[in-house]
Every structure is written in structure tokens, then in C-alpha cells.
Amino acid sequence: MPKNTDYLSKLATYNKKHGITATFSEMKKTARRMQKLHDERGPVDLDAFFLLHADPTGEEATDNVMAERAAQNEANAARRLAA
């Protein structure tokens, strides 16, 4: 059985320290994700976890959406040309 590292408490402390507002449900989901990473790879550093997953400007999210739309547009164009 995996060891319980109590990432939920660590996450709550981290959020309070850095002024991050998150619902309890969001914190539980994040803590579960961190525990899963811990079980697969070893201990998770909170600062590194958030630095790796941060996208403050939203550019990465925008790029992902635009790439998905471009792929859909290409597929639609190919379908129209095939008809």
C-alpha cells in the first residue's frame, strides 16, 4: 500500500502562503494528481510542480486550442476536396 504523504495539507499551506484561491474540490484533485506522481516517480516538490504547470499568460493554452482547430480545419478541407 502506498504511503500517505498528505499532499492536501501541504497544498493548503502552500496556497495560503502564496495567496492562491482554490476550492476544496480543486485542492483535492490536485493533491490526488500529486500523490499519483509521487507513487510513480517519487516525492513531489510543490514549487517545481506549480512552476512546471503554470501558464500565467494563457499562451500555451491558446496555442493548444489553435493547433486543435487547425487540425480540424485541415481535416474538413480534405473531406470537402475528396467529395
C-alpha atoms as a PDB file:
ATOM      1  CA  MET A   1       0.000   0.000   0.000  1.00  0.00           C
ATOM      2  CA  PRO A   2       1.419   3.433  -0.934  1.00  0.00           C
ATOM      3  CA  LYS A   3       2.489   5.730   1.866  1.00  0.00           C
ATOM      4  CA  ASN A   4       0.135   8.653   2.524  1.00  0.00           C
ATOM      5  CA  THR A   5       2.174  11.825   2.073  1.00  0.00           C
ATOM      6  CA  ASP A   6      -0.745  14.170   2.876  1.00  0.00           C
ATOM      7  CA  TYR A   7      -0.347  16.423  -0.132  1.00  0.00           C
ATOM      8  CA  LEU A   8      -3.725  18.024   0.665  1.00  0.00           C
ATOM      9  CA  SER A   9      -2.374  19.652   3.842  1.00  0.00           C
ATOM     10  CA  LYS A  10       0.844  20.660   2.103  1.00  0.00           C
ATOM     11  CA  LEU A  11      -1.173  22.126  -0.759  1.00  0.00           C
ATOM     12  CA  ALA A  12      -3.457  24.080   1.589  1.00  0.00           C
ATOM     13  CA  THR A  13      -0.410  25.552   3.338  1.00  0.00           C
ATOM     14  CA  TYR A  14       1.225  26.398   0.005  1.00  0.00           C
ATOM     15  CA  ASN A  15      -1.945  28.091  -1.274  1.00  0.00           C
ATOM     16  CA  LYS A  16      -2.327  30.150   1.902  1.00  0.00           C
ATOM     17  CA  LYS A  17       1.346  31.186   1.810  1.00  0.00           C
ATOM     18  CA  HIS A  18       1.200  32.269  -1.852  1.00  0.00           C
ATOM     19  CA  GLY A  19      -2.324  33.745  -1.824  1.00  0.00           C
ATOM     20  CA  ILE A  20      -3.760  31.172  -4.197  1.00  0.00           C
ATOM     21  CA  THR A  21      -7.526  30.808  -4.037  1.00  0.00           C
ATOM     22  CA  ALA A  22      -8.804  27.337  -4.800  1.00  0.00           C
ATOM     23  CA  THR A  23     -11.891  25.424  -3.781  1.00  0.00           C
ATOM     24  CA  PHE A  24     -11.554  22.357  -1.597  1.00  0.00           C
ATOM     25  CA  SER A  25     -12.563  20.210  -4.563  1.00  0.00           C
ATOM     26  CA  GLU A  26      -9.805  21.709  -6.740  1.00  0.00           C
ATOM     27  CA  MET A  27      -7.257  21.144  -3.987  1.00  0.00           C
ATOM     28  CA  LYS A  28      -8.374  17.512  -3.555  1.00  0.00           C
ATOM     29  CA  LYS A  29      -7.999  16.869  -7.292  1.00  0.00           C
ATOM     30  CA  THR A  30      -4.565  18.489  -7.362  1.00  0.00           C
ATOM     31  CA  ALA A  31      -3.474  16.560  -4.258  1.00  0.00           C
ATOM     32  CA  ARG A  32      -4.617  13.298  -5.877  1.00  0.00           C
ATOM     33  CA  ARG A  33      -2.659  14.152  -9.023  1.00  0.00           C
ATOM     34  CA  MET A  34       0.416  14.910  -6.914  1.00  0.00           C
ATOM     35  CA  GLN A  35       0.028  11.655  -4.964  1.00  0.00           C
ATOM     36  CA  LYS A  36      -0.203   9.733  -8.231  1.00  0.00           C
ATOM     37  CA  LEU A  37       3.024  11.383  -9.434  1.00  0.00           C
ATOM     38  CA  HIS A  38       4.612  10.576  -6.066  1.00  0.00           C
ATOM     39  CA  ASP A  39       3.658   6.918  -6.407  1.00  0.00           C
ATOM     40  CA  GLU A  40       5.081   6.770  -9.955  1.00  0.00           C
ATOM     41  CA  ARG A  41       8.230   8.902  -9.686  1.00  0.00           C
ATOM     42  CA  GLY A  42       8.917   9.756  -6.053  1.00  0.00           C
ATOM     43  CA  PRO A  43       8.406  12.832  -3.862  1.00  0.00           C
ATOM     44  CA  VAL A  44       6.870  15.909  -5.488  1.00  0.00           C
ATOM     45  CA  ASP A  45       8.278  19.384  -4.804  1.00  0.00           C
ATOM     46  CA  LEU A  46       5.361  21.834  -4.580  1.00  0.00           C
ATOM     47  CA  ASP A  47       7.263  24.769  -6.076  1.00  0.00           C
ATOM     48  CA  ALA A  48       8.512  22.715  -9.006  1.00  0.00           C
ATOM     49  CA  PHE A  49       5.044  21.219  -9.537  1.00  0.00           C
ATOM     50  CA  PHE A  50       3.447  24.634  -9.954  1.00  0.00           C
ATOM     51  CA  LEU A  51       6.299  26.129 -11.948  1.00  0.00           C
ATOM     52  CA  LEU A  52       6.089  23.274 -14.439  1.00  0.00           C
ATOM     53  CA  HIS A  53       2.323  23.571 -14.796  1.00  0.00           C
ATOM     54  CA  ALA A  54       1.971  27.357 -14.712  1.00  0.00           C
ATOM     55  CA  ASP A  55       0.713  29.198 -17.782  1.00  0.00           C
ATOM     56  CA  PRO A  56       0.096  32.718 -16.415  1.00  0.00           C
ATOM     57  CA  THR A  57      -0.387  34.393 -19.799  1.00  0.00           C
ATOM     58  CA  GLY A  58      -2.514  31.625 -21.271  1.00  0.00           C
ATOM     59  CA  GLU A  59      -0.280  31.445 -24.349  1.00  0.00           C
ATOM     60  CA  GLU A  60       0.265  27.703 -24.073  1.00  0.00           C
ATOM     61  CA  ALA A  61      -3.463  27.066 -23.696  1.00  0.00           C
ATOM     62  CA  THR A  62      -4.171  29.310 -26.688  1.00  0.00           C
ATOM     63  CA  ASP A  63      -1.548  27.511 -28.780  1.00  0.00           C
ATOM     64  CA  ASN A  64      -3.101  24.150 -27.881  1.00  0.00           C
ATOM     65  CA  VAL A  65      -6.586  25.316 -28.881  1.00  0.00           C
ATOM     66  CA  MET A  66      -5.351  26.880 -32.119  1.00  0.00           C
ATOM     67  CA  ALA A  67      -3.426  23.710 -33.050  1.00  0.00           C
ATOM     68  CA  GLU A  68      -6.546  21.625 -32.452  1.00  0.00           C
ATOM     69  CA  ARG A  69      -8.628  23.977 -34.592  1.00  0.00           C
ATOM     70  CA  ALA A  70      -6.019  23.944 -37.356  1.00  0.00           C
ATOM     71  CA  ALA A  71      -6.088  20.135 -37.390  1.00  0.00           C
ATOM     72  CA  GLN A  72      -9.892  20.183 -37.576  1.00  0.00           C
ATOM     73  CA  ASN A  73      -9.792  22.734 -40.402  1.00  0.00           C
ATOM     74  CA  GLU A  74      -7.310  20.601 -42.358  1.00  0.00           C
ATOM     75  CA  ALA A  75      -9.469  17.509 -41.894  1.00  0.00           C
ATOM     76  CA  ASN A  76     -12.566  19.417 -43.013  1.00  0.00           C
ATOM     77  CA  ALA A  77     -10.764  20.806 -46.075  1.00  0.00           C
ATOM     78  CA  ALA A  78      -9.536  17.328 -47.035  1.00  0.00           C
ATOM     79  CA  ARG A  79     -13.062  15.963 -46.636  1.00  0.00           C
ATOM     80  CA  ARG A  80     -14.513  18.719 -48.839  1.00  0.00           C
ATOM     81  CA  LEU A  81     -11.857  18.208 -51.521  1.00  0.00           C
ATOM     82  CA  ALA A  82     -12.438  14.449 -51.533  1.00  0.00           C
ATOM     83  CA  ALA A  83     -16.149  14.899 -52.233  1.00  0.00           C
END
